[in-house]
Structure formats: C-alpha cells, structure tokens
Amino acid sequence: MKSTANTSDQDIESTYKYPWNKITIGIVLIFICAVIGVAVGSVYIPVTSVFFILFSKLNFLNESPELTPAWHTIIWNIRFPRVVLALLVGASLGISGATYQGLFKNPLADPYLIGVASGASLGATIVFLSGIPSTYGYFSLLPVASFCGGIAAVFIAYLISVKSGNTHLSTLLLAGLAIGAFATAITGILMLRSDPDLRPLLSWLMGGFIRAQWSHSILIMPYMIVGVSFILGYSRVLNTMQLEGYYAESLGVNTEKTKRILIVSATLVTATAVSFSGLIGFVGLIAPHIIRLLWGTDYRTLLPLSALAGAAFLILADLAARTIVSPIELPVGIITALVGSPFFVYVLLKTKGSSVDGY
C-alpha cells in the first residue's frame, strides 16, 4: 500500500513543471507597477528620467545635467526606497497568507485576521516605547520583538482552536480576532501611558511607507529570506497536508513537525513585514485567492505567485495612498481595507453552505 502511494506521488512529481513562465509574467508585472509607482506622485517625473537616474546611480550611465537635483532626491531617496519596501512587505504578506490558508485549510486565514499582525505590532510597539535603540548596525531589534509578539498570538489562537487533535478553523478565526483585539487594546494602553507626541507611532500602526529608507529593505531581507526559504521548501509537503491527517502521515509526512515549522516561518515573515510597515491587512487574503482562481491550488505554484501578486498589489495600494487625495497621503492600511473588506465578504459568501474547515 505504501509502495503504491509512493509510486503515485512520484508520478505526480515527474509530471509537474515549475511555473517559470508564470513567475516571469509576475516579475514583469511587478516591474511595470514599480516604474509607475516611482514615476507617479504629487510631482510627476517622466519614465525615461526614472530609468536615467536609476542607471546613473548604478554607474551604468553618467548623470545628465538636465535632471535636477530635486528629481534625484525624489526618485532615489524617497520613491525608490518605499516602492522596494512595499514590494518586500507585499511579497511577505502574500506568501504568509497562502501558507496560513494551506496549513489551516481555510480560505479566510490571513495574518491580519488570525491575530499575528496585531501581536507583532504589540511587540514592535513595546520596543518603540521602551527607549531601547532598535537598530545596532545592520541588526534590528524590531523584527525580533515583532516575531515574539506574532508567534505568541498565533500559538494561543492555535491552541484554543485544537480539539481532540483536530484544528477547528472557525474557532481559530474567532480566537485570532479576539487575540488581535486584545493585543490592539494593550497597544493603546501603552501608547496612552507614554510620551504625548505619538504621531509617528500612530502613523506606523495605521500602515504605510512614508518613512521608508533603503536601510529598512536591507534589514528586512535576512529575515524574509530565511522564512520564505523554509516555506517554499515545504510547498510539496503542504500539498500532501491538504489530505486528512492520517493520509498525509501514511505518505511519510510528519504533520505536527510541518505545522510547527510553517507556523514559525510564516510568522517570522509576517512579523518582519509588520515591524517596518505597520498594520496592513487583507494582502494575505487577496493575493492567494487571485492566484488560486487563475492557476489552481498546487502550492508549488501558489506560494511563489502569491508573493509576486502581494508585491504588485501593495505597490499599487501605496501609489493610490499617495495620489488619491494628493498632496495629503493616506495610510496604506486604509486602501487595503477598502479593497479587502468587500473581498472578505465575497470569500465568506462563496464558502457559505460548504465546510469552512478544510476547503
């Protein structure tokens, strides 16, 4: 029996082709979104000038005297850093959302909805208000604090939702919402007891990239690479885990170990993103669903494409936040909530009448 199962699994593996064409399309789409995001704003800068400034900074071209210093500052010091950070945060939230949905077998699972983001923001807020230096060279304490808060939130929600060895996803979502609300309340209490000038912290909690710097992208990369590498490494196993637990174990999958590794990896990626962007919801819900509708549920394809979709979506959301009521800038979290809330209702109605656990 086990030999037959292994043979079938090998046959499926041999017929699978990695979606390089789809990934290439996604990268091209992100590139287009990034160029638009850098060129468009309260001050429009021609696309040709954007490329010229980029290539000159990379020492591929000599600087043109026709390009003003103001344009150089706007492109290289303001817009490029926030577009790159939006790309990294969007990719992190997209792939972690797909991981949570596959792990918990629930289309409504999302880093924001199950309390991970709120727990991570509480951890980062404690560091903000403690007065402890948050960066030491290229090491940042914020992702570590965010990770501790996020992992605590998701494990509490997970423990509450487990009954007789089975995870009840409706309970998980409700527990996540409750834990997220509790973490948000604690964050509010800490803010009220701290320095009265809380505008930077409030802006951060609402989500956005207004304070983005090149150093932020450098600091986020190591944590993101580690977490995403583990997630992609378990993509094939995540496919197997869509079966009932005893079927997955009969195929040689250690389900409990896999759950722990994926929860820690997805929480690390989410917490790192939250520590530099604040609370930005629904990216991890929207991106995986779009990919799932277009290209199916194979997690070897779904995970990398969800990262690309999340990156493109958040770049465009940041662009909308900067331009809709220009020169006033909206928090990016408001834009994603305006798009994500109706989308959440759509997914909820779509799953109505079917089992939410194990979709």
Protein backbone atom coordinates (compact mmCIF):
# COMPACT_ATOMS: atom_id res chain seq x y z
CA MET A 1 0.00 0.00 0.00
CA LYS A 2 2.76 2.39 0.95
CA SER A 3 4.70 1.47 -2.20
CA THR A 4 1.68 2.24 -4.38
CA ALA A 5 1.20 5.59 -2.67
CA ASN A 6 4.85 6.48 -3.12
CA THR A 7 4.77 5.47 -6.80
CA SER A 8 1.70 7.62 -7.39
CA ASP A 9 3.37 10.52 -5.61
CA GLN A 10 6.48 10.14 -7.76
CA ASP A 11 4.38 10.05 -10.93
CA ILE A 12 2.69 13.31 -9.96
CA GLU A 13 6.08 14.85 -9.16
CA SER A 14 7.54 13.78 -12.53
CA THR A 15 4.70 15.42 -14.49
CA TYR A 16 4.95 18.73 -12.62
CA LYS A 17 6.72 21.60 -14.34
CA TYR A 18 7.83 24.58 -12.30
CA PRO A 19 5.85 27.66 -13.44
CA TRP A 20 8.79 29.72 -14.72
CA ASN A 21 6.59 31.34 -17.39
CA LYS A 22 4.05 32.50 -14.81
CA ILE A 23 6.80 33.72 -12.49
CA THR A 24 8.34 35.66 -15.39
CA ILE A 25 4.97 37.28 -16.09
CA GLY A 26 4.67 38.17 -12.41
CA ILE A 27 8.14 39.73 -12.32
CA VAL A 28 7.35 41.79 -15.43
CA LEU A 29 4.08 42.93 -13.83
CA ILE A 30 5.91 43.95 -10.64
CA PHE A 31 8.49 45.83 -12.72
CA ILE A 32 5.74 47.77 -14.50
CA CYS A 33 4.00 48.54 -11.20
CA ALA A 34 7.30 49.65 -9.67
CA VAL A 35 8.09 52.00 -12.56
CA ILE A 36 4.62 53.54 -12.33
CA GLY A 37 4.96 53.81 -8.55
CA VAL A 38 8.27 55.65 -8.86
CA ALA A 39 7.23 57.97 -11.70
CA VAL A 40 3.75 58.97 -10.50
CA GLY A 41 3.15 61.17 -7.48
CA SER A 42 2.47 64.76 -6.47
CA VAL A 43 5.43 65.56 -8.73
CA TYR A 44 5.28 63.60 -12.00
CA ILE A 45 8.66 62.52 -13.34
CA PRO A 46 8.92 61.05 -16.87
CA VAL A 47 9.65 57.35 -17.05
CA THR A 48 12.77 57.98 -19.16
CA SER A 49 14.14 60.21 -16.39
CA VAL A 50 13.39 57.49 -13.83
CA PHE A 51 15.48 54.98 -15.79
CA PHE A 52 18.23 57.53 -16.38
CA ILE A 53 18.50 58.29 -12.65
CA LEU A 54 18.44 54.58 -11.76
CA PHE A 55 21.17 53.68 -14.26
CA SER A 56 23.30 56.65 -13.24
CA LYS A 57 23.08 55.58 -9.57
CA LEU A 58 24.17 52.09 -10.60
CA ASN A 59 27.11 53.63 -12.55
CA PHE A 60 25.81 52.40 -15.90
CA LEU A 61 25.38 55.96 -17.21
CA ASN A 62 26.79 59.38 -16.48
CA GLU A 63 24.48 61.83 -14.73
CA SER A 64 22.68 64.21 -17.07
CA PRO A 65 22.80 67.94 -16.26
CA GLU A 66 19.20 68.19 -17.48
CA LEU A 67 17.96 66.21 -14.45
CA THR A 68 17.52 68.48 -11.47
CA PRO A 69 18.88 67.58 -8.01
CA ALA A 70 15.29 67.65 -6.74
CA TRP A 71 14.34 64.85 -9.13
CA HIS A 72 17.34 62.81 -7.98
CA THR A 73 16.26 63.23 -4.37
CA ILE A 74 12.61 62.39 -5.08
CA ILE A 75 13.42 59.29 -7.12
CA TRP A 76 16.38 57.78 -5.28
CA ASN A 77 15.84 58.86 -1.68
CA ILE A 78 12.03 58.93 -1.41
CA ARG A 79 10.15 56.89 -4.01
CA PHE A 80 12.53 54.04 -4.79
CA PRO A 81 13.00 53.04 -1.11
CA ARG A 82 9.25 52.98 -0.45
CA VAL A 83 8.48 51.04 -3.63
CA VAL A 84 11.16 48.44 -2.79
CA LEU A 85 9.90 48.19 0.80
CA ALA A 86 6.28 47.87 -0.42
CA LEU A 87 7.44 45.09 -2.76
CA LEU A 88 9.13 43.17 0.06
CA VAL A 89 6.28 43.65 2.54
CA GLY A 90 3.65 42.72 -0.05
CA ALA A 91 5.54 39.58 -1.02
CA SER A 92 5.92 38.64 2.65
CA LEU A 93 2.22 39.08 3.43
CA GLY A 94 1.14 37.32 0.22
CA ILE A 95 3.19 34.17 0.76
CA SER A 96 2.45 34.01 4.50
CA GLY A 97 -1.28 34.34 3.79
CA ALA A 98 -1.14 31.44 1.31
CA THR A 99 0.81 29.40 3.88
CA TYR A 100 -1.73 30.00 6.66
CA GLN A 101 -4.62 29.16 4.32
CA GLY A 102 -3.00 25.90 3.27
CA LEU A 103 -1.83 24.99 6.75
CA PHE A 104 -5.21 25.61 8.39
CA LYS A 105 -7.20 24.50 5.30
CA ASN A 106 -9.26 27.65 5.47
CA PRO A 107 -9.76 30.30 2.75
CA LEU A 108 -10.29 33.00 5.38
CA ALA A 109 -6.99 32.54 7.20
CA ASP A 110 -4.87 35.66 6.97
CA PRO A 111 -2.01 37.13 9.06
CA TYR A 112 -4.24 40.06 9.99
CA LEU A 113 -7.36 38.03 10.79
CA ILE A 114 -5.77 35.34 12.96
CA GLY A 115 -4.04 37.86 15.21
CA VAL A 116 -0.44 37.52 14.01
CA ALA A 117 -0.17 41.11 12.76
CA SER A 118 -1.70 42.59 15.92
CA GLY A 119 0.59 40.53 18.14
CA ALA A 120 3.58 41.55 16.04
CA SER A 121 2.61 45.23 16.25
CA LEU A 122 2.37 44.93 20.03
CA GLY A 123 5.90 43.54 20.18
CA ALA A 124 7.20 46.35 17.97
CA THR A 125 5.29 48.97 19.98
CA ILE A 126 6.94 47.80 23.20
CA VAL A 127 10.35 48.33 21.59
CA PHE A 128 9.29 51.73 20.24
CA LEU A 129 8.12 52.98 23.63
CA SER A 130 10.83 51.38 25.75
CA GLY A 131 13.51 53.80 24.61
CA ILE A 132 15.83 50.90 23.73
CA PRO A 133 17.79 51.51 20.49
CA SER A 134 16.00 49.44 17.85
CA THR A 135 18.95 49.10 15.47
CA TYR A 136 22.55 48.05 16.01
CA GLY A 137 24.38 48.44 12.71
CA TYR A 138 22.61 46.09 10.30
CA PHE A 139 20.80 44.25 13.09
CA SER A 140 17.32 45.42 14.02
CA LEU A 141 15.53 44.55 17.23
CA LEU A 142 12.10 45.36 15.76
CA PRO A 143 11.68 42.13 13.74
CA VAL A 144 12.72 40.07 16.77
CA ALA A 145 10.20 41.79 19.05
CA SER A 146 7.52 41.57 16.36
CA PHE A 147 8.23 37.88 15.86
CA CYS A 148 7.87 37.18 19.59
CA GLY A 149 4.52 39.00 19.68
CA GLY A 150 3.28 37.37 16.48
CA ILE A 151 4.29 33.82 17.41
CA ALA A 152 2.67 34.21 20.84
CA ALA A 153 -0.60 35.37 19.25
CA VAL A 154 -0.79 32.60 16.64
CA PHE A 155 0.07 29.82 19.10
CA ILE A 156 -2.56 30.97 21.58
CA ALA A 157 -5.15 31.04 18.78
CA TYR A 158 -3.97 27.65 17.55
CA LEU A 159 -4.18 26.05 21.00
CA ILE A 160 -7.68 27.43 21.53
CA SER A 161 -8.85 26.02 18.19
CA VAL A 162 -7.49 22.50 18.72
CA LYS A 163 -9.96 19.93 19.98
CA SER A 164 -9.30 16.18 20.09
CA GLY A 165 -6.24 16.64 17.90
CA ASN A 166 -8.17 18.48 15.17
CA THR A 167 -7.97 22.18 14.36
CA HIS A 168 -11.35 23.88 14.04
CA LEU A 169 -10.78 26.79 11.69
CA SER A 170 -13.93 28.73 12.56
CA THR A 171 -12.72 28.68 16.17
CA LEU A 172 -9.24 29.67 15.02
CA LEU A 173 -10.52 32.76 13.22
CA LEU A 174 -12.66 33.83 16.17
CA ALA A 175 -9.76 33.23 18.59
CA GLY A 176 -7.44 35.17 16.29
CA LEU A 177 -9.84 38.10 16.14
CA ALA A 178 -10.18 38.10 19.93
CA ILE A 179 -6.41 37.90 20.48
CA GLY A 180 -5.86 40.61 17.88
CA ALA A 181 -8.35 42.88 19.62
CA PHE A 182 -6.69 42.20 22.97
CA ALA A 183 -3.23 42.98 21.56
CA THR A 184 -4.57 46.17 20.00
CA ALA A 185 -6.07 47.19 23.34
CA ILE A 186 -2.76 46.61 25.14
CA THR A 187 -1.02 48.64 22.44
CA GLY A 188 -3.47 51.50 23.03
CA ILE A 189 -2.91 51.41 26.79
CA LEU A 190 0.87 51.53 26.34
CA MET A 191 0.52 54.49 24.00
CA LEU A 192 -1.67 56.44 26.42
CA ARG A 193 0.91 55.99 29.18
CA SER A 194 3.82 57.11 27.01
CA ASP A 195 5.14 60.33 25.50
CA PRO A 196 2.31 62.61 24.29
CA ASP A 197 3.83 63.03 20.82
CA LEU A 198 2.58 59.80 19.29
CA ARG A 199 2.10 60.90 15.70
CA PRO A 200 4.96 58.76 14.30
CA LEU A 201 3.71 55.69 16.16
CA LEU A 202 0.08 56.26 15.16
CA SER A 203 1.10 56.67 11.53
CA TRP A 204 3.08 53.44 11.74
CA LEU A 205 0.20 51.50 13.32
CA MET A 206 -2.16 52.53 10.50
CA GLY A 207 0.25 51.04 7.98
CA GLY A 208 2.33 52.75 5.36
CA PHE A 209 5.73 53.51 3.91
CA ILE A 210 6.01 57.24 4.43
CA ARG A 211 9.20 56.77 6.49
CA ALA A 212 10.73 54.14 4.20
CA GLN A 213 14.51 54.16 3.84
CA TRP A 214 16.98 51.98 1.99
CA SER A 215 18.18 50.65 5.34
CA HIS A 216 14.72 49.21 6.03
CA SER A 217 14.88 47.00 2.93
CA ILE A 218 18.37 45.85 3.91
CA LEU A 219 17.22 44.97 7.42
CA ILE A 220 14.10 43.08 6.28
CA MET A 221 15.91 40.89 3.73
CA PRO A 222 17.70 38.35 6.00
CA TYR A 223 14.53 37.50 7.97
CA MET A 224 12.47 37.32 4.80
CA ILE A 225 14.97 35.07 3.01
CA VAL A 226 15.07 32.60 5.91
CA GLY A 227 11.29 32.44 6.33
CA VAL A 228 10.45 32.27 2.62
CA SER A 229 13.11 29.60 2.01
CA PHE A 230 11.53 27.30 4.59
CA ILE A 231 8.03 27.96 3.24
CA LEU A 232 8.99 27.22 -0.38
CA GLY A 233 10.95 24.16 0.76
CA TYR A 234 7.76 22.74 2.27
CA SER A 235 5.47 23.59 -0.68
CA ARG A 236 5.24 19.98 -1.86
CA VAL A 237 4.59 18.78 1.71
CA LEU A 238 1.88 21.43 2.04
CA ASN A 239 0.11 19.84 -0.94
CA THR A 240 0.14 16.48 0.84
CA MET A 241 -1.20 18.06 4.02
CA GLN A 242 -4.40 19.04 2.23
CA LEU A 243 -5.36 15.38 2.72
CA GLU A 244 -6.68 14.12 6.02
CA GLY A 245 -4.01 13.84 8.70
CA TYR A 246 -3.71 10.06 8.66
CA TYR A 247 -3.43 10.00 4.84
CA ALA A 248 -0.63 12.59 4.94
CA GLU A 249 1.17 10.62 7.66
CA SER A 250 0.80 7.41 5.66
CA LEU A 251 2.76 9.17 2.88
CA GLY A 252 5.59 9.85 5.31
CA VAL A 253 4.70 13.41 6.35
CA ASN A 254 5.32 14.39 9.96
CA THR A 255 2.29 16.66 10.19
CA GLU A 256 2.96 18.13 13.62
CA LYS A 257 6.57 18.98 12.80
CA THR A 258 5.50 20.51 9.48
CA LYS A 259 2.85 22.63 11.19
CA ARG A 260 5.36 23.98 13.68
CA ILE A 261 7.95 24.82 11.01
CA LEU A 262 5.43 26.53 8.73
CA ILE A 263 3.78 28.48 11.56
CA VAL A 264 7.16 29.76 12.75
CA SER A 265 8.33 30.57 9.20
CA ALA A 266 5.13 32.37 8.16
CA THR A 267 5.02 34.25 11.46
CA LEU A 268 8.65 35.33 11.06
CA VAL A 269 7.93 36.68 7.58
CA THR A 270 4.73 38.42 8.72
CA ALA A 271 6.26 39.90 11.86
CA THR A 272 9.24 41.28 9.96
CA ALA A 273 6.92 42.94 7.44
CA VAL A 274 4.74 44.42 10.19
CA SER A 275 7.76 45.78 12.08
CA PHE A 276 8.66 48.03 9.12
CA SER A 277 5.25 48.78 7.60
CA GLY A 278 2.76 48.73 10.48
CA LEU A 279 -0.63 47.04 10.27
CA ILE A 280 -1.59 46.43 6.64
CA GLY A 281 -4.46 43.99 6.37
CA PHE A 282 -6.00 41.78 3.70
CA VAL A 283 -2.93 41.44 1.43
CA GLY A 284 -2.52 37.85 2.62
CA LEU A 285 -6.18 37.21 1.84
CA ILE A 286 -6.46 38.82 -1.58
CA ALA A 287 -3.21 37.72 -3.26
CA PRO A 288 -3.54 33.92 -2.71
CA HIS A 289 -7.18 33.92 -3.79
CA ILE A 290 -6.43 35.70 -7.05
CA ILE A 291 -3.68 33.18 -7.84
CA ARG A 292 -5.87 30.25 -6.75
CA LEU A 293 -8.66 31.38 -9.09
CA LEU A 294 -6.26 31.82 -12.02
CA TRP A 295 -3.87 28.89 -11.65
CA GLY A 296 -5.22 26.37 -9.17
CA THR A 297 -4.28 25.12 -5.73
CA ASP A 298 -0.89 23.45 -6.23
CA TYR A 299 1.20 25.10 -3.52
CA ARG A 300 4.40 24.73 -5.52
CA THR A 301 2.84 27.28 -7.87
CA LEU A 302 0.56 29.09 -5.44
CA LEU A 303 3.21 30.14 -2.91
CA PRO A 304 5.70 31.95 -5.21
CA LEU A 305 2.93 33.53 -7.29
CA SER A 306 1.13 34.72 -4.15
CA ALA A 307 4.33 36.50 -3.15
CA LEU A 308 4.51 38.22 -6.54
CA ALA A 309 0.81 39.12 -6.50
CA GLY A 310 1.10 40.53 -2.99
CA ALA A 311 4.08 42.64 -4.04
CA ALA A 312 2.28 44.08 -7.08
CA PHE A 313 -0.90 44.74 -5.10
CA LEU A 314 0.86 46.59 -2.30
CA ILE A 315 2.92 48.73 -4.70
CA LEU A 316 -0.34 49.84 -6.36
CA ALA A 317 -2.03 50.34 -2.97
CA ASP A 318 0.85 52.58 -1.88
CA LEU A 319 0.57 54.52 -5.13
CA ALA A 320 -3.16 55.02 -4.53
CA ALA A 321 -2.50 56.15 -0.95
CA ARG A 322 -0.07 58.80 -2.22
CA THR A 323 -2.16 60.15 -5.08
CA ILE A 324 -5.91 59.82 -4.37
CA VAL A 325 -6.11 62.94 -2.18
CA SER A 326 -2.71 64.44 -3.04
CA PRO A 327 -0.87 66.27 -1.51
CA ILE A 328 -2.36 64.54 1.58
CA GLU A 329 -1.14 60.97 1.97
CA LEU A 330 -3.48 58.27 3.25
CA PRO A 331 -2.23 55.30 5.29
CA VAL A 332 -1.81 52.28 3.03
CA GLY A 333 -3.77 50.20 5.54
CA ILE A 334 -6.88 52.26 4.70
CA ILE A 335 -6.55 51.46 0.99
CA THR A 336 -6.07 47.72 1.55
CA ALA A 337 -9.02 47.69 3.96
CA LEU A 338 -11.27 49.42 1.41
CA VAL A 339 -10.38 46.74 -1.15
CA GLY A 340 -10.05 43.82 1.24
CA SER A 341 -13.25 44.18 3.25
CA PRO A 342 -15.59 43.60 0.26
CA PHE A 343 -13.28 40.84 -0.91
CA PHE A 344 -13.52 39.17 2.50
CA VAL A 345 -17.32 39.28 2.31
CA TYR A 346 -17.14 37.77 -1.19
CA VAL A 347 -14.98 34.88 0.04
CA LEU A 348 -17.27 34.41 3.05
CA LEU A 349 -20.37 34.21 0.83
CA LYS A 350 -18.58 31.90 -1.59
CA THR A 351 -17.80 29.44 1.20
CA LYS A 352 -21.32 29.71 2.67
CA GLY A 353 -23.08 26.40 2.67
CA SER A 354 -19.81 24.47 2.48
CA SER A 355 -17.46 23.38 5.23
CA VAL A 356 -15.13 26.19 6.15
CA ASP A 357 -12.80 23.72 7.79
CA GLY A 358 -10.79 22.00 5.10
CA TYR A 359 -11.85 23.87 1.97
